[in-house]
């Protein structure tokens, strides 16, 4: 009698921080990325929200993301080093209809790079999201300016996004996961701590809890 075969996969766990000014749509982006939900009701994040996302990257690889939605209030920026510790990737969000939030994104990226980095000393992979693109017309000047902005601030790329209209949320997530996995490849076998699991023993896909500063 043939033995029961269980598919074994490699599981990777990455901590990703999500930062940006108050009201730029960080929580809406995370909600859509995890649960495909969008709410018109605005609720300010107080302190920190924490969410989990499972990605079945390929037939043999499951990537789990810890998404740390850090509130935009100044009080949280002052203790951000605690929140950033151990992060492998970052999402920086700004409101495409509010230019001041782009300036703030630059400040937050500099703060990020000063407080966390890869073991190699290089900045952790970071992607810039120009959110609420459903509220503005296409602007070619914006495209060229954001290309330069990303070069100047060491972002690996940027996306126009809209949680409301489901624009580029999954694409931006996949891009960041790929960049983190490329960084992970450079680690030695001794530095890897990913455990093998059986596909039929995987925990629930996502859950949320809230923490406060």
C-alpha atoms as a PDB file:
ATOM      1  CA  UNK A   1       0.000   0.000   0.000  1.00  0.00           C
ATOM      2  CA  UNK A   2       1.468   3.290  -1.059  1.00  0.00           C
ATOM      3  CA  UNK A   3       2.178   5.808   1.688  1.00  0.00           C
ATOM      4  CA  UNK A   4       0.240   9.040   1.860  1.00  0.00           C
ATOM      5  CA  UNK A   5       2.171  11.793   0.092  1.00  0.00           C
ATOM      6  CA  UNK A   6       2.145  15.269   1.627  1.00  0.00           C
ATOM      7  CA  UNK A   7       3.297  18.263  -0.380  1.00  0.00           C
ATOM      8  CA  UNK A   8       6.040  20.084   1.489  1.00  0.00           C
ATOM      9  CA  UNK A   9       6.700  23.742   0.861  1.00  0.00           C
ATOM     10  CA  UNK A  10       9.146  26.345   2.052  1.00  0.00           C
ATOM     11  CA  UNK A  11       7.645  29.079   4.190  1.00  0.00           C
ATOM     12  CA  UNK A  12       9.150  32.552   4.336  1.00  0.00           C
ATOM     13  CA  UNK A  13       8.155  35.237   6.797  1.00  0.00           C
ATOM     14  CA  UNK A  14       8.816  38.926   6.133  1.00  0.00           C
ATOM     15  CA  UNK A  15       8.017  41.947   8.257  1.00  0.00           C
ATOM     16  CA  UNK A  16       6.803  44.889   6.147  1.00  0.00           C
ATOM     17  CA  UNK A  17       6.151  48.336   7.546  1.00  0.00           C
ATOM     18  CA  UNK A  18       3.575  50.638   5.943  1.00  0.00           C
ATOM     19  CA  UNK A  19       4.134  54.345   6.573  1.00  0.00           C
ATOM     20  CA  UNK A  20       2.868  57.708   5.370  1.00  0.00           C
ATOM     21  CA  UNK A  21       1.000  60.782   6.525  1.00  0.00           C
ATOM     22  CA  UNK A  22      -2.396  60.692   8.217  1.00  0.00           C
ATOM     23  CA  UNK A  23      -5.221  60.140   5.726  1.00  0.00           C
ATOM     24  CA  UNK A  24      -3.205  58.917   2.740  1.00  0.00           C
ATOM     25  CA  UNK A  25      -5.007  55.547   2.703  1.00  0.00           C
ATOM     26  CA  UNK A  26      -2.557  53.119   4.304  1.00  0.00           C
ATOM     27  CA  UNK A  27      -5.225  51.144   6.155  1.00  0.00           C
ATOM     28  CA  UNK A  28      -7.492  50.994   3.091  1.00  0.00           C
ATOM     29  CA  UNK A  29      -4.647  49.608   0.993  1.00  0.00           C
ATOM     30  CA  UNK A  30      -3.885  46.923   3.576  1.00  0.00           C
ATOM     31  CA  UNK A  31      -7.575  46.030   3.949  1.00  0.00           C
ATOM     32  CA  UNK A  32      -7.937  45.558   0.217  1.00  0.00           C
ATOM     33  CA  UNK A  33      -4.654  43.662  -0.100  1.00  0.00           C
ATOM     34  CA  UNK A  34      -5.668  41.168   2.577  1.00  0.00           C
ATOM     35  CA  UNK A  35      -9.447  40.903   2.372  1.00  0.00           C
ATOM     36  CA  UNK A  36     -10.371  42.587  -0.945  1.00  0.00           C
ATOM     37  CA  UNK A  37     -12.507  45.039   1.009  1.00  0.00           C
ATOM     38  CA  UNK A  38     -12.893  48.810   0.828  1.00  0.00           C
ATOM     39  CA  UNK A  39     -14.901  51.051   3.133  1.00  0.00           C
ATOM     40  CA  UNK A  40     -15.886  54.659   2.476  1.00  0.00           C
ATOM     41  CA  UNK A  41     -15.869  55.227   6.237  1.00  0.00           C
ATOM     42  CA  UNK A  42     -12.612  56.824   7.337  1.00  0.00           C
ATOM     43  CA  UNK A  43     -11.083  55.649  10.608  1.00  0.00           C
ATOM     44  CA  UNK A  44      -7.744  56.992  11.782  1.00  0.00           C
ATOM     45  CA  UNK A  45      -5.210  54.401  12.913  1.00  0.00           C
ATOM     46  CA  UNK A  46      -4.173  55.039  16.505  1.00  0.00           C
ATOM     47  CA  UNK A  47      -0.674  53.775  17.163  1.00  0.00           C
ATOM     48  CA  UNK A  48      -0.279  50.602  15.155  1.00  0.00           C
ATOM     49  CA  UNK A  49      -2.374  48.031  13.329  1.00  0.00           C
ATOM     50  CA  UNK A  50      -0.885  44.620  12.638  1.00  0.00           C
ATOM     51  CA  UNK A  51      -2.047  42.280   9.882  1.00  0.00           C
ATOM     52  CA  UNK A  52      -0.963  38.978   8.360  1.00  0.00           C
ATOM     53  CA  UNK A  53      -1.083  38.071   4.671  1.00  0.00           C
ATOM     54  CA  UNK A  54      -0.326  34.716   3.058  1.00  0.00           C
ATOM     55  CA  UNK A  55       0.953  34.570  -0.519  1.00  0.00           C
ATOM     56  CA  UNK A  56       1.267  31.255  -2.316  1.00  0.00           C
ATOM     57  CA  UNK A  57       4.195  32.440  -4.359  1.00  0.00           C
ATOM     58  CA  UNK A  58       4.647  29.255  -6.353  1.00  0.00           C
ATOM     59  CA  UNK A  59       3.965  25.523  -6.011  1.00  0.00           C
ATOM     60  CA  UNK A  60       6.678  25.132  -3.383  1.00  0.00           C
ATOM     61  CA  UNK A  61       6.856  28.524  -1.681  1.00  0.00           C
ATOM     62  CA  UNK A  62       4.510  30.251   0.752  1.00  0.00           C
ATOM     63  CA  UNK A  63       5.357  33.815   1.720  1.00  0.00           C
ATOM     64  CA  UNK A  64       3.791  35.223   4.857  1.00  0.00           C
ATOM     65  CA  UNK A  65       3.855  38.955   5.436  1.00  0.00           C
ATOM     66  CA  UNK A  66       3.589  40.753   8.746  1.00  0.00           C
ATOM     67  CA  UNK A  67       2.158  44.136   7.758  1.00  0.00           C
ATOM     68  CA  UNK A  68       2.784  46.855  10.330  1.00  0.00           C
ATOM     69  CA  UNK A  69       0.438  49.760   9.619  1.00  0.00           C
ATOM     70  CA  UNK A  70       2.104  52.589  11.531  1.00  0.00           C
ATOM     71  CA  UNK A  71      -0.044  55.612  12.291  1.00  0.00           C
ATOM     72  CA  UNK A  72       0.933  58.913  10.714  1.00  0.00           C
ATOM     73  CA  UNK A  73       0.827  60.917  13.939  1.00  0.00           C
ATOM     74  CA  UNK A  74       4.049  62.555  15.061  1.00  0.00           C
ATOM     75  CA  UNK A  75       4.011  60.686  18.373  1.00  0.00           C
ATOM     76  CA  UNK A  76       4.523  57.390  16.550  1.00  0.00           C
ATOM     77  CA  UNK A  77       7.295  58.782  14.372  1.00  0.00           C
ATOM     78  CA  UNK A  78       9.212  59.621  17.536  1.00  0.00           C
ATOM     79  CA  UNK A  79       9.343  55.939  18.576  1.00  0.00           C
ATOM     80  CA  UNK A  80       9.464  54.471  15.088  1.00  0.00           C
ATOM     81  CA  UNK A  81      12.798  52.715  15.710  1.00  0.00           C
ATOM     82  CA  UNK A  82      10.940  50.182  17.863  1.00  0.00           C
ATOM     83  CA  UNK A  83       8.375  49.537  15.105  1.00  0.00           C
ATOM     84  CA  UNK A  84      10.985  49.332  12.325  1.00  0.00           C
ATOM     85  CA  UNK A  85      13.182  46.725  14.037  1.00  0.00           C
ATOM     86  CA  UNK A  86      13.457  43.541  12.004  1.00  0.00           C
ATOM     87  CA  UNK A  87      11.663  44.909   8.935  1.00  0.00           C
ATOM     88  CA  UNK A  88      12.610  43.350   5.619  1.00  0.00           C
ATOM     89  CA  UNK A  89      10.579  45.678   3.400  1.00  0.00           C
ATOM     90  CA  UNK A  90       8.584  48.906   3.439  1.00  0.00           C
ATOM     91  CA  UNK A  91       5.642  50.545   1.725  1.00  0.00           C
ATOM     92  CA  UNK A  92       5.539  54.344   1.795  1.00  0.00           C
ATOM     93  CA  UNK A  93       2.192  55.858   0.828  1.00  0.00           C
ATOM     94  CA  UNK A  94       1.249  59.384  -0.219  1.00  0.00           C
ATOM     95  CA  UNK A  95      -1.978  60.977  -1.415  1.00  0.00           C
ATOM     96  CA  UNK A  96      -1.643  61.839  -5.098  1.00  0.00           C
ATOM     97  CA  UNK A  97      -4.102  64.735  -4.609  1.00  0.00           C
ATOM     98  CA  UNK A  98      -2.049  66.301  -1.788  1.00  0.00           C
ATOM     99  CA  UNK A  99       1.524  67.303  -2.658  1.00  0.00           C
ATOM    100  CA  UNK A 100       2.480  67.875   0.974  1.00  0.00           C
ATOM    101  CA  UNK A 101       2.129  64.142   1.624  1.00  0.00           C
ATOM    102  CA  UNK A 102       4.785  63.447  -1.015  1.00  0.00           C
ATOM    103  CA  UNK A 103       7.187  65.736   0.829  1.00  0.00           C
ATOM    104  CA  UNK A 104       6.345  63.847   4.008  1.00  0.00           C
ATOM    105  CA  UNK A 105       7.052  60.545   2.209  1.00  0.00           C
ATOM    106  CA  UNK A 106      10.598  61.740   1.557  1.00  0.00           C
ATOM    107  CA  UNK A 107      11.065  62.582   5.237  1.00  0.00           C
ATOM    108  CA  UNK A 108       9.698  59.220   6.322  1.00  0.00           C
ATOM    109  CA  UNK A 109      11.969  57.349   3.904  1.00  0.00           C
ATOM    110  CA  UNK A 110      15.035  59.132   5.283  1.00  0.00           C
ATOM    111  CA  UNK A 111      13.898  58.318   8.814  1.00  0.00           C
ATOM    112  CA  UNK A 112      13.382  54.692   7.782  1.00  0.00           C
ATOM    113  CA  UNK A 113      16.829  54.357   6.236  1.00  0.00           C
ATOM    114  CA  UNK A 114      18.463  55.863   9.331  1.00  0.00           C
ATOM    115  CA  UNK A 115      16.850  53.304  11.646  1.00  0.00           C
ATOM    116  CA  UNK A 116      16.775  49.976   9.803  1.00  0.00           C
ATOM    117  CA  UNK A 117      18.806  48.310   7.057  1.00  0.00           C
ATOM    118  CA  UNK A 118      19.718  44.918   5.656  1.00  0.00           C
ATOM    119  CA  UNK A 119      22.582  42.931   7.152  1.00  0.00           C
ATOM    120  CA  UNK A 120      24.648  44.144   4.189  1.00  0.00           C
ATOM    121  CA  UNK A 121      24.103  47.748   5.267  1.00  0.00           C
ATOM    122  CA  UNK A 122      21.933  48.555   2.250  1.00  0.00           C
ATOM    123  CA  UNK A 123      18.432  50.044   2.671  1.00  0.00           C
ATOM    124  CA  UNK A 124      15.598  47.563   2.982  1.00  0.00           C
ATOM    125  CA  UNK A 125      13.503  47.238  -0.209  1.00  0.00           C
ATOM    126  CA  UNK A 126      10.892  49.988  -0.327  1.00  0.00           C
ATOM    127  CA  UNK A 127       8.110  50.815  -2.763  1.00  0.00           C
ATOM    128  CA  UNK A 128       6.300  54.150  -3.105  1.00  0.00           C
ATOM    129  CA  UNK A 129       2.518  54.185  -3.605  1.00  0.00           C
ATOM    130  CA  UNK A 130       0.822  57.215  -5.203  1.00  0.00           C
ATOM    131  CA  UNK A 131      -2.575  56.489  -3.704  1.00  0.00           C
ATOM    132  CA  UNK A 132      -6.085  57.731  -4.613  1.00  0.00           C
ATOM    133  CA  UNK A 133      -5.254  57.791  -8.313  1.00  0.00           C
ATOM    134  CA  UNK A 134      -8.969  57.356  -9.051  1.00  0.00           C
ATOM    135  CA  UNK A 135      -9.416  60.981  -7.959  1.00  0.00           C
ATOM    136  CA  UNK A 136      -7.103  62.550 -10.522  1.00  0.00           C
ATOM    137  CA  UNK A 137      -6.504  62.498 -14.264  1.00  0.00           C
ATOM    138  CA  UNK A 138      -3.408  60.921 -15.799  1.00  0.00           C
ATOM    139  CA  UNK A 139      -0.441  63.283 -15.502  1.00  0.00           C
ATOM    140  CA  UNK A 140       2.668  62.547 -17.555  1.00  0.00           C
ATOM    141  CA  UNK A 141       4.654  65.179 -15.638  1.00  0.00           C
ATOM    142  CA  UNK A 142       3.902  63.292 -12.425  1.00  0.00           C
ATOM    143  CA  UNK A 143       5.266  60.081 -13.926  1.00  0.00           C
ATOM    144  CA  UNK A 144       8.638  61.622 -14.761  1.00  0.00           C
ATOM    145  CA  UNK A 145       8.835  63.476 -11.441  1.00  0.00           C
ATOM    146  CA  UNK A 146       8.134  60.308  -9.446  1.00  0.00           C
ATOM    147  CA  UNK A 147      10.782  58.415 -11.397  1.00  0.00           C
ATOM    148  CA  UNK A 148      13.295  61.057 -10.260  1.00  0.00           C
ATOM    149  CA  UNK A 149      11.856  61.088  -6.740  1.00  0.00           C
ATOM    150  CA  UNK A 150      12.398  57.338  -6.427  1.00  0.00           C
ATOM    151  CA  UNK A 151      15.979  57.604  -7.635  1.00  0.00           C
ATOM    152  CA  UNK A 152      16.723  60.426  -5.211  1.00  0.00           C
ATOM    153  CA  UNK A 153      15.148  58.644  -2.248  1.00  0.00           C
ATOM    154  CA  UNK A 154      16.287  55.062  -2.938  1.00  0.00           C
ATOM    155  CA  UNK A 155      12.875  53.571  -3.690  1.00  0.00           C
ATOM    156  CA  UNK A 156      12.973  50.477  -5.880  1.00  0.00           C
ATOM    157  CA  UNK A 157       9.803  51.528  -7.699  1.00  0.00           C
ATOM    158  CA  UNK A 158       6.433  53.244  -7.485  1.00  0.00           C
ATOM    159  CA  UNK A 159       2.834  52.514  -8.388  1.00  0.00           C
ATOM    160  CA  UNK A 160      -0.315  54.563  -8.822  1.00  0.00           C
ATOM    161  CA  UNK A 161      -2.827  52.858  -6.551  1.00  0.00           C
ATOM    162  CA  UNK A 162      -6.464  53.004  -5.542  1.00  0.00           C
ATOM    163  CA  UNK A 163      -7.961  50.744  -2.901  1.00  0.00           C
ATOM    164  CA  UNK A 164     -11.414  51.949  -3.922  1.00  0.00           C
ATOM    165  CA  UNK A 165     -11.019  50.967  -7.588  1.00  0.00           C
ATOM    166  CA  UNK A 166      -8.643  48.030  -7.029  1.00  0.00           C
ATOM    167  CA  UNK A 167      -5.773  49.576  -8.977  1.00  0.00           C
ATOM    168  CA  UNK A 168      -2.262  48.113  -8.597  1.00  0.00           C
ATOM    169  CA  UNK A 169      -2.679  46.922  -4.997  1.00  0.00           C
ATOM    170  CA  UNK A 170      -1.770  43.292  -5.697  1.00  0.00           C
ATOM    171  CA  UNK A 171       0.826  44.326  -8.279  1.00  0.00           C
ATOM    172  CA  UNK A 172       2.637  46.552  -5.792  1.00  0.00           C
ATOM    173  CA  UNK A 173       2.534  43.781  -3.201  1.00  0.00           C
ATOM    174  CA  UNK A 174       3.965  41.223  -5.610  1.00  0.00           C
ATOM    175  CA  UNK A 175       6.728  43.627  -6.642  1.00  0.00           C
ATOM    176  CA  UNK A 176       7.821  44.177  -3.035  1.00  0.00           C
ATOM    177  CA  UNK A 177       7.694  40.464  -2.214  1.00  0.00           C
ATOM    178  CA  UNK A 178       9.913  39.725  -5.219  1.00  0.00           C
ATOM    179  CA  UNK A 179      12.454  42.347  -4.104  1.00  0.00           C
ATOM    180  CA  UNK A 180      12.537  40.951  -0.564  1.00  0.00           C
ATOM    181  CA  UNK A 181      13.025  37.429  -1.875  1.00  0.00           C
ATOM    182  CA  UNK A 182      15.925  38.605  -4.044  1.00  0.00           C
ATOM    183  CA  UNK A 183      17.556  40.093  -0.948  1.00  0.00           C
ATOM    184  CA  UNK A 184      16.874  36.880   0.935  1.00  0.00           C
ATOM    185  CA  UNK A 185      18.746  34.850  -1.687  1.00  0.00           C
ATOM    186  CA  UNK A 186      21.952  36.629  -0.708  1.00  0.00           C
ATOM    187  CA  UNK A 187      21.759  35.283   2.852  1.00  0.00           C
ATOM    188  CA  UNK A 188      23.858  32.245   3.742  1.00  0.00           C
ATOM    189  CA  UNK A 189      22.204  28.968   4.693  1.00  0.00           C
ATOM    190  CA  UNK A 190      23.187  29.578   8.329  1.00  0.00           C
ATOM    191  CA  UNK A 191      21.222  32.820   8.324  1.00  0.00           C
ATOM    192  CA  UNK A 192      18.032  31.236   7.069  1.00  0.00           C
ATOM    193  CA  UNK A 193      15.359  30.368   9.606  1.00  0.00           C
ATOM    194  CA  UNK A 194      12.437  29.356   7.416  1.00  0.00           C
ATOM    195  CA  UNK A 195      10.668  26.130   8.419  1.00  0.00           C
ATOM    196  CA  UNK A 196       9.157  23.548   6.093  1.00  0.00           C
ATOM    197  CA  UNK A 197       5.409  23.056   6.597  1.00  0.00           C
ATOM    198  CA  UNK A 198       2.766  20.891   5.014  1.00  0.00           C
ATOM    199  CA  UNK A 199       0.323  22.702   2.815  1.00  0.00           C
ATOM    200  CA  UNK A 200      -2.654  21.176   4.625  1.00  0.00           C
ATOM    201  CA  UNK A 201      -1.353  22.441   7.979  1.00  0.00           C
ATOM    202  CA  UNK A 202      -1.086  26.122   7.018  1.00  0.00           C
ATOM    203  CA  UNK A 203      -2.777  28.503   9.480  1.00  0.00           C
ATOM    204  CA  UNK A 204      -5.543  30.889   8.482  1.00  0.00           C
ATOM    205  CA  UNK A 205      -4.688  33.303   5.714  1.00  0.00           C
ATOM    206  CA  UNK A 206      -4.997  36.550   7.640  1.00  0.00           C
ATOM    207  CA  UNK A 207      -5.798  38.093  10.969  1.00  0.00           C
ATOM    208  CA  UNK A 208      -5.618  41.555  12.505  1.00  0.00           C
ATOM    209  CA  UNK A 209      -4.912  43.037  15.891  1.00  0.00           C
ATOM    210  CA  UNK A 210      -4.352  46.599  17.063  1.00  0.00           C
ATOM    211  CA  UNK A 211      -1.583  48.012  19.241  1.00  0.00           C
ATOM    212  CA  UNK A 212      -1.240  51.521  20.600  1.00  0.00           C
ATOM    213  CA  UNK A 213       1.784  53.768  21.043  1.00  0.00           C
END
